[in-house]
């Protein structure tokens, strides 16, 4: 089982990957692509997506095997990522 630090890291990585995809107007935010791009174990990706969906930051279409088929940022997810980007830019 992943540690708390790892789980938080996985969630952040998923959000960042989805935000980059949104900024680049990429439509492929499939669970398979996220898993491969981030190098996450399938169960950890699924757990991260469940958590983020529960927070209202992403929407997930699930496969019959309870793994993410498609993952997209919600409006709130985009707002959170933009706020983090603005904060980083302000710090220089």
C-alpha atoms as a PDB file:
ATOM      1  CA  UNK A   1       0.000   0.000   0.000  1.00  0.00           C
ATOM      2  CA  UNK A   2       1.229   3.476  -0.849  1.00  0.00           C
ATOM      3  CA  UNK A   3       2.332   5.784   1.950  1.00  0.00           C
ATOM      4  CA  UNK A   4       0.525   9.036   2.647  1.00  0.00           C
ATOM      5  CA  UNK A   5       3.339  10.962   0.970  1.00  0.00           C
ATOM      6  CA  UNK A   6       3.092   8.742  -2.123  1.00  0.00           C
ATOM      7  CA  UNK A   7      -0.696   9.079  -2.293  1.00  0.00           C
ATOM      8  CA  UNK A   8      -0.460  12.867  -2.129  1.00  0.00           C
ATOM      9  CA  UNK A   9       2.257  12.806  -4.768  1.00  0.00           C
ATOM     10  CA  UNK A  10       0.135  10.619  -7.069  1.00  0.00           C
ATOM     11  CA  UNK A  11      -2.853  12.954  -6.716  1.00  0.00           C
ATOM     12  CA  UNK A  12      -0.733  15.994  -7.508  1.00  0.00           C
ATOM     13  CA  UNK A  13       0.804  14.241 -10.509  1.00  0.00           C
ATOM     14  CA  UNK A  14      -2.620  13.340 -11.899  1.00  0.00           C
ATOM     15  CA  UNK A  15      -3.857  16.919 -11.518  1.00  0.00           C
ATOM     16  CA  UNK A  16      -0.728  18.345 -13.150  1.00  0.00           C
ATOM     17  CA  UNK A  17      -0.942  15.912 -16.067  1.00  0.00           C
ATOM     18  CA  UNK A  18      -4.605  16.731 -16.648  1.00  0.00           C
ATOM     19  CA  UNK A  19      -3.947  20.470 -16.383  1.00  0.00           C
ATOM     20  CA  UNK A  20      -1.123  20.214 -18.946  1.00  0.00           C
ATOM     21  CA  UNK A  21      -3.412  18.240 -21.257  1.00  0.00           C
ATOM     22  CA  UNK A  22      -6.105  20.896 -20.897  1.00  0.00           C
ATOM     23  CA  UNK A  23      -3.648  23.715 -21.598  1.00  0.00           C
ATOM     24  CA  UNK A  24      -2.390  21.870 -24.685  1.00  0.00           C
ATOM     25  CA  UNK A  25      -5.947  21.118 -25.866  1.00  0.00           C
ATOM     26  CA  UNK A  26      -5.214  17.398 -25.826  1.00  0.00           C
ATOM     27  CA  UNK A  27      -8.299  15.263 -25.747  1.00  0.00           C
ATOM     28  CA  UNK A  28      -6.658  11.997 -24.693  1.00  0.00           C
ATOM     29  CA  UNK A  29      -6.885  11.902 -20.929  1.00  0.00           C
ATOM     30  CA  UNK A  30      -7.495   8.193 -20.772  1.00  0.00           C
ATOM     31  CA  UNK A  31      -6.642   6.233 -17.693  1.00  0.00           C
ATOM     32  CA  UNK A  32      -4.215   4.151 -19.728  1.00  0.00           C
ATOM     33  CA  UNK A  33      -2.356   7.227 -20.953  1.00  0.00           C
ATOM     34  CA  UNK A  34      -2.216   8.717 -17.450  1.00  0.00           C
ATOM     35  CA  UNK A  35      -0.955   5.441 -16.024  1.00  0.00           C
ATOM     36  CA  UNK A  36       1.714   5.104 -18.707  1.00  0.00           C
ATOM     37  CA  UNK A  37       2.774   8.778 -18.704  1.00  0.00           C
ATOM     38  CA  UNK A  38       3.022   8.926 -14.918  1.00  0.00           C
ATOM     39  CA  UNK A  39       4.295   5.405 -14.366  1.00  0.00           C
ATOM     40  CA  UNK A  40       1.698   4.756 -11.670  1.00  0.00           C
ATOM     41  CA  UNK A  41       0.456   1.333 -10.693  1.00  0.00           C
ATOM     42  CA  UNK A  42      -3.140   0.888 -11.824  1.00  0.00           C
ATOM     43  CA  UNK A  43      -4.488   0.549  -8.275  1.00  0.00           C
ATOM     44  CA  UNK A  44      -2.746   3.755  -7.163  1.00  0.00           C
ATOM     45  CA  UNK A  45      -4.040   5.678 -10.182  1.00  0.00           C
ATOM     46  CA  UNK A  46      -7.560   4.445  -9.416  1.00  0.00           C
ATOM     47  CA  UNK A  47      -7.233   5.471  -5.762  1.00  0.00           C
ATOM     48  CA  UNK A  48      -5.943   8.921  -6.723  1.00  0.00           C
ATOM     49  CA  UNK A  49      -8.802   9.397  -9.179  1.00  0.00           C
ATOM     50  CA  UNK A  50     -11.410   8.283  -6.620  1.00  0.00           C
ATOM     51  CA  UNK A  51     -10.041  10.783  -4.108  1.00  0.00           C
ATOM     52  CA  UNK A  52      -9.872  13.648  -6.624  1.00  0.00           C
ATOM     53  CA  UNK A  53     -13.387  12.868  -7.869  1.00  0.00           C
ATOM     54  CA  UNK A  54     -14.621  12.925  -4.280  1.00  0.00           C
ATOM     55  CA  UNK A  55     -13.089  16.386  -3.901  1.00  0.00           C
ATOM     56  CA  UNK A  56     -14.896  17.523  -7.056  1.00  0.00           C
ATOM     57  CA  UNK A  57     -11.639  18.193  -8.926  1.00  0.00           C
ATOM     58  CA  UNK A  58     -11.992  15.537 -11.634  1.00  0.00           C
ATOM     59  CA  UNK A  59     -14.690  13.510 -13.343  1.00  0.00           C
ATOM     60  CA  UNK A  60     -13.957   9.861 -14.014  1.00  0.00           C
ATOM     61  CA  UNK A  61     -15.533   7.370 -16.374  1.00  0.00           C
ATOM     62  CA  UNK A  62     -14.780   3.954 -14.883  1.00  0.00           C
ATOM     63  CA  UNK A  63     -14.225   0.652 -16.635  1.00  0.00           C
ATOM     64  CA  UNK A  64     -16.042  -2.461 -15.486  1.00  0.00           C
ATOM     65  CA  UNK A  65     -12.807  -3.374 -13.670  1.00  0.00           C
ATOM     66  CA  UNK A  66     -13.027  -0.192 -11.552  1.00  0.00           C
ATOM     67  CA  UNK A  67     -10.092   1.479 -13.255  1.00  0.00           C
ATOM     68  CA  UNK A  68     -10.268   4.928 -14.852  1.00  0.00           C
ATOM     69  CA  UNK A  69     -11.254   4.856 -18.528  1.00  0.00           C
ATOM     70  CA  UNK A  70     -11.297   8.645 -18.983  1.00  0.00           C
ATOM     71  CA  UNK A  71     -10.386  11.381 -16.519  1.00  0.00           C
ATOM     72  CA  UNK A  72     -11.103  15.092 -16.958  1.00  0.00           C
ATOM     73  CA  UNK A  73     -10.630  18.152 -14.805  1.00  0.00           C
ATOM     74  CA  UNK A  74     -13.780  19.810 -13.535  1.00  0.00           C
ATOM     75  CA  UNK A  75     -14.185  23.571 -13.505  1.00  0.00           C
ATOM     76  CA  UNK A  76     -13.131  23.539  -9.846  1.00  0.00           C
ATOM     77  CA  UNK A  77     -10.084  21.446 -10.718  1.00  0.00           C
ATOM     78  CA  UNK A  78      -9.024  23.970 -13.343  1.00  0.00           C
ATOM     79  CA  UNK A  79      -9.569  26.840 -10.919  1.00  0.00           C
ATOM     80  CA  UNK A  80      -7.406  25.135  -8.286  1.00  0.00           C
ATOM     81  CA  UNK A  81      -4.600  24.457 -10.757  1.00  0.00           C
ATOM     82  CA  UNK A  82      -4.732  28.041 -12.058  1.00  0.00           C
ATOM     83  CA  UNK A  83      -4.534  29.375  -8.500  1.00  0.00           C
ATOM     84  CA  UNK A  84      -1.468  27.208  -7.831  1.00  0.00           C
ATOM     85  CA  UNK A  85       0.136  28.415 -11.071  1.00  0.00           C
ATOM     86  CA  UNK A  86      -0.529  32.056 -10.167  1.00  0.00           C
ATOM     87  CA  UNK A  87       0.965  31.479  -6.700  1.00  0.00           C
ATOM     88  CA  UNK A  88       4.124  29.960  -8.197  1.00  0.00           C
ATOM     89  CA  UNK A  89       4.459  32.868 -10.640  1.00  0.00           C
ATOM     90  CA  UNK A  90       4.021  35.405  -7.842  1.00  0.00           C
ATOM     91  CA  UNK A  91       6.818  33.786  -5.841  1.00  0.00           C
ATOM     92  CA  UNK A  92       9.024  34.108  -8.905  1.00  0.00           C
END
